[in-house]
Protein backbone atom coordinates (compact mmCIF):
# COMPACT_ATOMS: atom_id res chain seq x y z
CA UNK A 1 -6.75 68.43 -30.90
CA UNK A 2 -6.04 68.19 -27.15
CA UNK A 3 -9.43 67.95 -25.41
CA UNK A 4 -8.27 69.77 -22.29
CA UNK A 5 -6.78 72.61 -24.33
CA UNK A 6 -9.93 72.92 -26.45
CA UNK A 7 -12.16 73.01 -23.37
CA UNK A 8 -9.95 75.63 -21.73
CA UNK A 9 -10.02 77.82 -24.84
CA UNK A 10 -13.80 77.50 -24.98
CA UNK A 11 -14.13 78.62 -21.35
CA UNK A 12 -11.79 81.52 -22.03
CA UNK A 13 -13.95 82.61 -24.99
CA UNK A 14 -17.13 82.48 -22.89
CA UNK A 15 -15.41 84.45 -20.15
CA UNK A 16 -14.22 87.18 -22.51
CA UNK A 17 -17.71 87.55 -23.95
CA UNK A 18 -19.09 87.88 -20.45
CA UNK A 19 -16.41 90.45 -19.63
CA UNK A 20 -17.39 92.56 -22.64
CA UNK A 21 -21.04 92.27 -21.66
CA UNK A 22 -20.27 93.52 -18.15
CA UNK A 23 -17.67 96.07 -19.35
CA UNK A 24 -15.24 94.90 -16.66
CA UNK A 25 -11.87 96.56 -16.55
CA UNK A 26 -8.89 96.43 -14.21
CA UNK A 27 -8.89 100.16 -13.38
CA UNK A 28 -12.40 100.56 -11.99
CA UNK A 29 -11.58 100.20 -8.29
CA UNK A 30 -10.34 103.77 -7.80
CA UNK A 31 -8.91 104.51 -4.37
CA UNK A 32 -10.66 101.56 -2.68
CA UNK A 33 -9.65 98.32 -4.43
CA UNK A 34 -10.87 96.14 -1.57
CA UNK A 35 -14.25 97.85 -1.43
CA UNK A 36 -14.58 97.42 -5.17
CA UNK A 37 -13.73 93.72 -4.86
CA UNK A 38 -16.38 93.35 -2.16
CA UNK A 39 -18.93 94.80 -4.57
CA UNK A 40 -17.82 92.41 -7.30
CA UNK A 41 -18.14 89.48 -4.89
CA UNK A 42 -21.68 90.53 -3.98
CA UNK A 43 -22.51 90.81 -7.67
CA UNK A 44 -21.06 87.37 -8.31
CA UNK A 45 -23.20 85.86 -5.55
CA UNK A 46 -26.32 87.38 -7.08
CA UNK A 47 -25.33 86.56 -10.68
CA UNK A 48 -27.52 84.18 -12.69
CA UNK A 49 -25.80 84.10 -16.07
CA UNK A 50 -23.07 81.55 -16.80
CA UNK A 51 -20.94 83.85 -18.98
CA UNK A 52 -21.26 86.82 -16.65
CA UNK A 53 -20.47 84.64 -13.64
CA UNK A 54 -17.32 83.29 -15.26
CA UNK A 55 -16.22 86.81 -16.20
CA UNK A 56 -16.85 88.15 -12.71
CA UNK A 57 -15.01 85.21 -11.12
CA UNK A 58 -12.00 85.75 -13.38
CA UNK A 59 -11.97 89.47 -12.69
CA UNK A 60 -12.05 88.96 -8.91
CA UNK A 61 -9.26 86.38 -9.02
CA UNK A 62 -7.16 88.58 -11.33
CA UNK A 63 -7.56 91.50 -8.95
CA UNK A 64 -6.71 89.32 -5.95
CA UNK A 65 -3.47 88.21 -7.59
CA UNK A 66 -2.49 91.86 -8.12
CA UNK A 67 -2.93 92.70 -4.42
CA UNK A 68 0.16 92.99 -2.25
CA UNK A 69 0.58 90.88 0.89
CA UNK A 70 -1.36 93.31 3.09
CA UNK A 71 -4.14 93.52 0.51
CA UNK A 72 -4.46 89.74 0.33
CA UNK A 73 -4.66 89.59 4.12
CA UNK A 74 -7.37 92.27 4.08
CA UNK A 75 -9.30 90.25 1.48
CA UNK A 76 -9.24 87.19 3.75
CA UNK A 77 -10.47 89.34 6.63
CA UNK A 78 -13.22 90.57 4.30
CA UNK A 79 -14.29 86.97 3.63
CA UNK A 80 -14.38 86.43 7.39
CA UNK A 81 -16.36 89.52 8.36
CA UNK A 82 -18.67 90.17 5.38
CA UNK A 83 -19.34 86.73 3.90
CA UNK A 84 -20.34 84.63 6.88
CA UNK A 85 -23.85 83.24 7.43
CA UNK A 86 -26.81 85.60 7.14
CA UNK A 87 -27.43 86.12 10.84
CA UNK A 88 -31.10 87.08 10.59
CA UNK A 89 -31.93 83.98 8.59
CA UNK A 90 -29.88 81.86 10.97
CA UNK A 91 -31.64 83.28 14.05
CA UNK A 92 -35.02 82.53 12.49
CA UNK A 93 -33.94 79.01 11.57
CA UNK A 94 -32.75 78.34 15.13
CA UNK A 95 -36.05 79.57 16.58
CA UNK A 96 -38.02 77.53 14.04
CA UNK A 97 -36.10 74.35 14.82
CA UNK A 98 -36.56 74.83 18.57
CA UNK A 99 -40.29 75.16 18.01
CA UNK A 100 -40.60 72.26 15.56
CA UNK A 101 -37.77 69.79 15.04
CA UNK A 102 -39.09 68.64 11.69
CA UNK A 103 -36.94 67.56 8.73
CA UNK A 104 -37.92 70.77 6.92
CA UNK A 105 -36.82 72.94 9.87
CA UNK A 106 -33.57 70.97 10.16
CA UNK A 107 -32.86 71.48 6.45
CA UNK A 108 -33.43 75.22 6.75
CA UNK A 109 -31.12 75.32 9.78
CA UNK A 110 -28.46 73.43 7.83
CA UNK A 111 -28.70 75.79 4.84
CA UNK A 112 -28.69 78.93 6.95
CA UNK A 113 -25.54 77.95 8.85
CA UNK A 114 -23.44 77.79 5.68
CA UNK A 115 -21.24 80.88 5.35
CA UNK A 116 -21.86 82.84 2.17
CA UNK A 117 -18.14 82.63 1.40
CA UNK A 118 -18.54 78.93 0.62
CA UNK A 119 -20.86 79.74 -2.26
CA UNK A 120 -18.55 82.59 -3.25
CA UNK A 121 -15.59 80.20 -3.43
CA UNK A 122 -17.69 77.78 -5.50
CA UNK A 123 -18.49 80.58 -7.96
CA UNK A 124 -14.89 81.76 -8.10
CA UNK A 125 -14.08 78.26 -9.28
CA UNK A 126 -16.06 79.06 -12.46
CA UNK A 127 -13.15 81.12 -13.75
CA UNK A 128 -10.75 79.50 -16.24
CA UNK A 129 -7.94 77.97 -14.15
CA UNK A 130 -9.97 79.03 -11.12
CA UNK A 131 -9.13 75.96 -9.08
CA UNK A 132 -5.38 76.55 -9.49
CA UNK A 133 -5.76 80.13 -8.24
CA UNK A 134 -7.92 79.01 -5.31
CA UNK A 135 -5.30 76.42 -4.30
CA UNK A 136 -2.70 79.19 -4.38
CA UNK A 137 -5.08 81.41 -2.38
CA UNK A 138 -5.34 78.78 0.35
CA UNK A 139 -1.57 78.37 0.38
CA UNK A 140 -1.29 82.04 1.32
CA UNK A 141 -4.19 81.69 3.76
CA UNK A 142 -2.34 78.93 5.61
CA UNK A 143 0.56 81.33 6.12
CA UNK A 144 -1.70 84.19 7.18
CA UNK A 145 -3.61 82.25 9.81
CA UNK A 146 -0.41 81.53 11.74
CA UNK A 147 -0.40 85.20 12.76
CA UNK A 148 -4.17 85.68 12.49
CA UNK A 149 -5.92 82.65 14.06
CA UNK A 150 -9.37 84.14 13.39
CA UNK A 151 -8.86 83.14 9.75
CA UNK A 152 -9.20 79.50 10.80
CA UNK A 153 -12.91 79.84 10.01
CA UNK A 154 -12.15 80.90 6.44
CA UNK A 155 -9.64 78.09 6.04
CA UNK A 156 -12.23 75.58 7.26
CA UNK A 157 -14.47 76.59 4.36
CA UNK A 158 -11.66 76.20 1.82
CA UNK A 159 -10.75 72.80 3.29
CA UNK A 160 -14.39 71.69 3.26
CA UNK A 161 -14.79 72.51 -0.43
CA UNK A 162 -11.39 71.13 -1.43
CA UNK A 163 -12.26 67.88 0.32
CA UNK A 164 -15.10 67.48 -2.17
CA UNK A 165 -13.35 68.84 -5.25
CA UNK A 166 -10.29 66.65 -4.72
CA UNK A 167 -12.28 63.55 -3.86
CA UNK A 168 -10.57 60.29 -4.89
CA UNK A 169 -13.29 59.75 -7.50
CA UNK A 170 -12.06 62.79 -9.43
CA UNK A 171 -8.35 61.96 -9.28
CA UNK A 172 -6.43 60.21 -12.04
CA UNK A 173 -3.44 57.98 -11.27
CA UNK A 174 -0.75 58.24 -13.94
CA UNK A 175 2.65 56.54 -14.15
CA UNK A 176 5.60 58.91 -14.41
CA UNK A 177 8.44 57.63 -16.57
CA UNK A 178 11.47 59.00 -18.37
CA UNK A 179 9.23 59.53 -21.42
CA UNK A 180 6.71 61.70 -19.49
CA UNK A 181 6.54 65.29 -20.88
CA UNK A 182 9.39 67.46 -19.68
CA UNK A 183 7.18 70.08 -18.00
CA UNK A 184 5.82 67.42 -15.64
CA UNK A 185 9.29 65.95 -15.01
CA UNK A 186 10.53 69.41 -14.07
CA UNK A 187 7.80 69.58 -11.45
CA UNK A 188 8.78 66.17 -10.08
CA UNK A 189 12.30 67.53 -9.53
CA UNK A 190 10.95 70.70 -7.92
CA UNK A 191 8.33 69.04 -5.71
CA UNK A 192 10.48 66.17 -4.41
CA UNK A 193 10.32 66.71 -0.65
CA UNK A 194 12.06 63.68 0.86
CA UNK A 195 15.23 62.89 -1.10
CA UNK A 196 16.51 65.84 -3.11
CA UNK A 197 16.84 65.36 -6.88
CA UNK A 198 19.91 67.24 -8.04
CA UNK A 199 19.01 67.45 -11.71
CA UNK A 200 18.02 65.56 -14.82
CA UNK A 201 20.63 62.82 -14.45
CA UNK A 202 19.49 61.99 -10.91
CA UNK A 203 15.88 62.00 -12.06
CA UNK A 204 16.77 59.60 -14.90
CA UNK A 205 18.30 57.19 -12.37
CA UNK A 206 14.99 57.15 -10.48
CA UNK A 207 12.73 56.73 -13.51
CA UNK A 208 14.54 55.01 -16.37
CA UNK A 209 15.82 51.69 -14.89
CA UNK A 210 13.57 48.65 -15.19
CA UNK A 211 13.41 48.23 -11.40
CA UNK A 212 12.06 51.75 -10.74
CA UNK A 213 8.51 53.11 -10.82
CA UNK A 214 6.83 56.43 -10.08
CA UNK A 215 3.12 57.24 -9.87
CA UNK A 216 1.24 60.51 -9.37
CA UNK A 217 -2.30 61.66 -8.78
CA UNK A 218 -3.64 64.40 -11.07
CA UNK A 219 -6.87 66.40 -10.99
CA UNK A 220 -8.79 66.98 -14.25
CA UNK A 221 -8.48 70.76 -13.76
CA UNK A 222 -4.74 70.54 -12.96
CA UNK A 223 -3.91 67.97 -15.56
CA UNK A 224 -0.22 68.90 -15.92
CA UNK A 225 0.47 69.59 -12.26
CA UNK A 226 0.75 66.54 -9.94
CA UNK A 227 -0.95 66.64 -6.53
CA UNK A 228 1.14 63.92 -4.91
CA UNK A 229 3.59 61.32 -6.19
CA UNK A 230 5.34 58.24 -4.90
CA UNK A 231 8.68 56.78 -6.00
CA UNK A 232 9.04 52.99 -5.88
CA UNK A 233 12.07 50.70 -5.97
CA UNK A 234 11.62 47.06 -6.98
CA UNK A 235 13.96 44.82 -4.98
CA UNK A 236 14.49 41.28 -3.70
CA UNK A 237 14.58 42.27 -0.01
CA UNK A 238 13.59 44.99 2.45
CA UNK A 239 16.24 47.74 2.40
CA UNK A 240 17.60 49.45 5.50
CA UNK A 241 19.63 52.20 3.82
CA UNK A 242 18.49 54.79 1.28
CA UNK A 243 22.00 55.18 -0.08
CA UNK A 244 21.93 51.63 -1.44
CA UNK A 245 18.69 52.38 -3.30
CA UNK A 246 19.82 55.66 -4.86
CA UNK A 247 23.51 55.20 -5.62
CA UNK A 248 24.41 55.54 -9.28
CA UNK A 249 26.41 52.32 -9.61
CA UNK A 250 23.88 50.04 -7.90
CA UNK A 251 23.08 46.75 -9.68
CA UNK A 252 19.66 46.70 -11.33
CA UNK A 253 17.34 43.70 -11.48
CA UNK A 254 14.65 42.65 -13.90
CA UNK A 255 11.26 43.88 -12.73
CA UNK A 256 9.86 40.37 -13.11
CA UNK A 257 12.41 39.08 -10.58
CA UNK A 258 11.45 41.54 -7.85
CA UNK A 259 9.60 40.29 -4.77
CA UNK A 260 9.47 43.59 -2.85
CA UNK A 261 8.10 47.03 -3.72
CA UNK A 262 9.72 49.79 -1.66
CA UNK A 263 7.93 53.13 -1.34
CA UNK A 264 10.92 55.32 -0.56
CA UNK A 265 9.57 58.81 -1.23
CA UNK A 266 6.07 60.30 -1.06
CA UNK A 267 5.82 64.02 -1.83
CA UNK A 268 2.82 66.32 -1.60
CA UNK A 269 3.10 68.88 -4.37
CA UNK A 270 0.48 71.53 -3.56
CA UNK A 271 0.93 73.36 -0.27
CA UNK A 272 -2.56 74.79 -0.71
CA UNK A 273 -3.95 71.25 -0.37
CA UNK A 274 -2.29 70.60 2.98
CA UNK A 275 -4.60 68.49 5.14
CA UNK A 276 -6.61 67.23 2.16
CA UNK A 277 -5.88 63.52 2.43
CA UNK A 278 -5.35 61.45 -0.68
CA UNK A 279 -1.96 59.90 0.06
CA UNK A 280 -3.58 56.79 1.52
CA UNK A 281 -5.54 56.26 -1.70
CA UNK A 282 -2.32 56.71 -3.68
CA UNK A 283 -0.48 53.90 -1.89
CA UNK A 284 -3.40 51.48 -2.09
CA UNK A 285 -3.97 52.19 -5.77
CA UNK A 286 -0.27 51.79 -6.58
CA UNK A 287 -0.18 48.47 -4.69
CA UNK A 288 -3.10 47.22 -6.79
CA UNK A 289 -1.50 48.36 -10.05
CA UNK A 290 1.88 46.82 -9.20
CA UNK A 291 0.31 43.50 -8.22
CA UNK A 292 -1.45 43.32 -11.57
CA UNK A 293 1.74 44.16 -13.45
CA UNK A 294 4.11 42.02 -11.35
CA UNK A 295 2.36 39.04 -9.73
CA UNK A 296 5.58 37.88 -8.01
CA UNK A 297 5.55 40.91 -5.69
CA UNK A 298 4.89 39.68 -2.16
CA UNK A 299 6.10 42.48 0.11
CA UNK A 300 5.07 46.15 0.10
CA UNK A 301 7.16 48.27 2.43
CA UNK A 302 8.38 51.82 2.91
CA UNK A 303 11.80 53.20 3.71
CA UNK A 304 10.71 56.30 5.58
CA UNK A 305 12.32 59.33 7.24
CA UNK A 306 11.75 60.31 10.87
CA UNK A 307 11.74 64.11 10.60
CA UNK A 308 11.08 65.03 14.25
CA UNK A 309 13.26 62.51 16.03
CA UNK A 310 16.40 64.62 16.55
CA UNK A 311 14.44 67.50 18.07
CA UNK A 312 12.59 65.17 20.44
CA UNK A 313 15.79 63.40 21.47
CA UNK A 314 17.45 66.75 22.10
CA UNK A 315 14.63 67.72 24.47
CA UNK A 316 14.97 64.43 26.33
CA UNK A 317 18.72 64.90 26.65
CA UNK A 318 18.25 68.43 28.03
CA UNK A 319 15.48 67.44 30.45
CA UNK A 320 16.37 67.30 34.12
CA UNK A 321 14.62 63.93 34.33
CA UNK A 322 13.70 61.61 31.48
CA UNK A 323 11.53 58.51 31.42
CA UNK A 324 13.43 57.15 28.46
CA UNK A 325 17.11 58.05 28.96
CA UNK A 326 19.21 56.63 31.76
CA UNK A 327 22.45 58.22 32.93
CA UNK A 328 24.33 55.66 30.83
CA UNK A 329 22.25 56.54 27.78
CA UNK A 330 23.02 60.24 28.24
CA UNK A 331 26.74 59.48 28.41
CA UNK A 332 26.58 57.36 25.26
CA UNK A 333 24.50 59.92 23.35
CA UNK A 334 26.97 62.68 24.17
CA UNK A 335 28.82 61.41 21.13
CA UNK A 336 26.13 63.07 18.97
CA UNK A 337 27.77 66.40 19.82
CA UNK A 338 31.00 65.34 18.12
CA UNK A 339 31.23 66.68 14.55
CA UNK A 340 31.37 63.84 12.04
CA UNK A 341 30.44 61.25 14.67
CA UNK A 342 28.87 58.95 12.06
CA UNK A 343 32.33 58.41 10.54
CA UNK A 344 33.85 57.40 13.88
CA UNK A 345 33.23 53.64 14.43
CA UNK A 346 33.97 53.79 18.15
CA UNK A 347 31.39 56.57 18.68
CA UNK A 348 28.86 54.83 16.45
CA UNK A 349 29.20 51.66 18.55
CA UNK A 350 28.48 53.67 21.72
CA UNK A 351 25.52 55.57 20.28
CA UNK A 352 23.65 52.82 18.44
CA UNK A 353 22.09 50.87 21.35
CA UNK A 354 20.97 54.01 23.19
CA UNK A 355 19.58 55.65 20.08
CA UNK A 356 17.75 52.51 18.93
CA UNK A 357 16.11 52.17 22.34
CA UNK A 358 15.13 55.85 22.36
CA UNK A 359 13.70 55.50 18.85
CA UNK A 360 11.54 52.56 19.91
CA UNK A 361 10.23 54.63 22.82
CA UNK A 362 9.63 57.59 20.49
CA UNK A 363 7.32 55.52 18.30
CA UNK A 364 5.62 53.30 20.85
CA UNK A 365 5.37 55.46 23.99
CA UNK A 366 5.76 59.18 23.27
CA UNK A 367 2.63 61.18 22.46
CA UNK A 368 1.74 64.82 21.84
CA UNK A 369 -0.76 66.89 23.81
CA UNK A 370 -3.60 65.29 21.88
CA UNK A 371 -2.44 61.78 22.72
CA UNK A 372 -1.20 61.12 19.18
CA UNK A 373 2.05 59.59 17.94
CA UNK A 374 4.60 62.38 17.59
CA UNK A 375 6.00 61.52 14.18
CA UNK A 376 3.83 62.78 11.26
CA UNK A 377 5.14 60.14 8.83
CA UNK A 378 4.32 57.44 11.38
CA UNK A 379 0.80 58.83 11.84
CA UNK A 380 0.29 58.67 8.08
CA UNK A 381 1.44 55.09 7.54
CA UNK A 382 0.09 53.62 10.78
CA UNK A 383 -3.23 55.34 10.11
CA UNK A 384 -3.27 53.66 6.70
CA UNK A 385 -2.90 50.23 8.31
CA UNK A 386 0.84 49.67 7.99
CA UNK A 387 2.98 47.99 10.65
CA UNK A 388 6.14 49.51 12.11
CA UNK A 389 8.49 46.83 10.84
CA UNK A 390 12.06 47.86 11.60
CA UNK A 391 14.18 50.74 12.92
CA UNK A 392 17.23 51.44 10.76
CA UNK A 393 20.18 53.12 12.47
CA UNK A 394 22.04 55.48 10.08
CA UNK A 395 19.70 54.59 7.26
CA UNK A 396 20.18 58.01 5.65
CA UNK A 397 23.50 59.86 5.81
CA UNK A 398 22.32 62.98 3.94
CA UNK A 399 22.80 66.34 5.67
CA UNK A 400 19.07 66.85 6.17
CA UNK A 401 18.47 63.37 7.58
CA UNK A 402 21.41 63.72 9.98
CA UNK A 403 20.05 67.07 11.11
CA UNK A 404 16.43 65.95 11.50
CA UNK A 405 16.83 62.35 12.66
CA UNK A 406 20.52 61.62 13.28
CA UNK A 407 20.27 59.45 10.15
CA UNK A 408 17.44 57.28 11.48
CA UNK A 409 14.99 55.65 9.04
CA UNK A 410 12.23 53.08 9.51
CA UNK A 411 10.34 50.51 7.45
CA UNK A 412 6.55 50.37 7.52
CA UNK A 413 5.12 47.12 6.17
CA UNK A 414 1.84 47.05 4.26
CA UNK A 415 0.65 43.47 4.74
CA UNK A 416 -2.56 43.47 2.76
CA UNK A 417 -4.44 40.95 4.89
CA UNK A 418 -3.74 42.96 8.06
CA UNK A 419 -4.31 46.54 6.88
CA UNK A 420 -7.84 46.88 8.23
CA UNK A 421 -7.12 45.35 11.65
CA UNK A 422 -3.94 47.45 11.98
CA UNK A 423 -5.88 50.59 11.09
CA UNK A 424 -8.52 49.83 13.71
CA UNK A 425 -5.87 49.21 16.36
CA UNK A 426 -4.22 52.55 15.66
CA UNK A 427 -7.25 54.73 14.94
CA UNK A 428 -9.54 53.19 17.54
CA UNK A 429 -7.20 52.40 20.43
CA UNK A 430 -4.04 54.33 19.65
CA UNK A 431 -1.99 51.11 19.46
CA UNK A 432 1.15 51.07 17.32
CA UNK A 433 1.32 47.68 15.62
CA UNK A 434 4.93 46.56 15.41
CA UNK A 435 7.25 43.55 15.57
CA UNK A 436 8.69 41.85 18.63
CA UNK A 437 12.28 42.97 17.80
CA UNK A 438 11.13 46.60 17.89
CA UNK A 439 9.17 46.05 21.12
CA UNK A 440 12.22 44.51 22.78
CA UNK A 441 14.16 47.72 22.11
CA UNK A 442 11.87 49.76 24.39
CA UNK A 443 13.65 50.54 27.68
CA UNK A 444 11.98 49.69 30.97
CA UNK A 445 9.80 52.59 32.13
CA UNK A 446 11.49 54.78 34.70
CA UNK A 447 9.97 57.13 37.26
CA UNK A 448 7.01 58.93 35.70
CA UNK A 449 7.11 62.72 35.60
CA UNK A 450 3.42 63.43 35.05
CA UNK A 451 0.06 61.86 34.32
CA UNK A 452 -0.63 64.60 31.74
CA UNK A 453 0.90 64.18 28.27
CA UNK A 454 3.17 67.05 27.31
CA UNK A 455 4.49 67.79 23.83
CA UNK A 456 7.43 65.49 23.23
CA UNK A 457 7.02 63.44 26.43
CA UNK A 458 5.49 60.00 26.93
CA UNK A 459 1.76 59.59 27.27
CA UNK A 460 1.15 58.24 30.75
CA UNK A 461 -1.57 55.67 31.26
CA UNK A 462 -3.28 53.94 34.14
CA UNK A 463 -2.50 50.24 34.72
CA UNK A 464 -4.33 48.03 32.29
CA UNK A 465 -6.23 44.90 33.13
CA UNK A 466 -5.18 41.49 31.79
CA UNK A 467 -7.69 41.55 28.93
CA UNK A 468 -6.34 44.89 27.71
CA UNK A 469 -2.74 43.66 27.92
CA UNK A 470 -3.55 40.49 25.98
CA UNK A 471 -5.43 42.52 23.37
CA UNK A 472 -2.29 44.61 22.83
CA UNK A 473 -0.25 41.47 22.20
CA UNK A 474 -2.77 40.30 19.65
CA UNK A 475 -1.70 43.07 17.28
CA UNK A 476 2.04 42.44 17.55
CA UNK A 477 3.85 40.50 14.88
């Protein structure tokens, strides 16, 4: 018998017994469903029994799922207003700590600052399939807080708990192959977020050949629903074009002959887990597994999209003055406004040098208001210790890539001996570790517009001393 199925059925039985004991029914809320749910939540927080707690948790989650959009928003507001810290206890703890900063007083202060909704969310997780419902609940919460920023406090509690529940120690890495159960393969097709999978035949081309691999992280409570997965191509060199990797008639190679592992698609599957980081663990674990399986692998590299590049470049082209684009660059880039420009060799020849230079600036110089690299994919890989290896002009000719990045793709190299030092350079000093060919693409700085970084414009900096300049060179390839 399947252990997971047996355990789930056992929990369901316990829950139903608890439900009968409490005489819970779906029609008890009367004219005030939210008020009734508040009462159930208070009861759950005061509950001592395991069976009754599971039954209450299931009942609350069932009722929440039956609420309409306005009702679900009201429930989140209820968590914000009625299930925060107990203010009287908190006031006393603050006064006690001011009077005596002892470990005991500090512990009481720590306990009293925790919002009651954190314990409520923990107890809701007692319900069968509770964690799946809570992930869905946060997915909706993320949408709601766009229009209702006050809900950020509620989201912080969900994120805090999810960070513990989806800790790397609980996750299971599983290979995905053409023989994986069909219900999981269907989810791989649905969740693919980088390079669309058109159906079963396209999925087979990514999983069945000997020179293809796919790995996914699973959680014990979501055993048939992947959290994140990565698709890998085994090659003899570093690719610059996604079309060559995915085309149906490409030549395959024996896995044992491969020297390079290419991570060409990483997809997060659960929107409700946005911001809960486990992608870095995924790559490192996959690298370890592949090295054990295929000792000849020497190079681990990505072929990555640049989803915000076209929007940034458009802003620079529209700007009255630009640090990155010269008048000649603007003239050359005007070809981007010509429909089908990528199929016109004469326009491509004009655009390529200007776009490559702008792309180098985008990665190495441009920063957002918080002083961070603009591109989210770059932040992920550079933060994991990768090196910006190469900029690939027209690396992806798909409609989405042309719309988001004018076809631009990049390679990030994971050189295992350098991962830690690269990570420190990026996380500690904001330095983008790259190669000399990429650095040489950066245009000479023109007249600065401002000393304050603005979204989409370069981060200005004061002149650096010789030691700082030399330190920057130390981390270049």
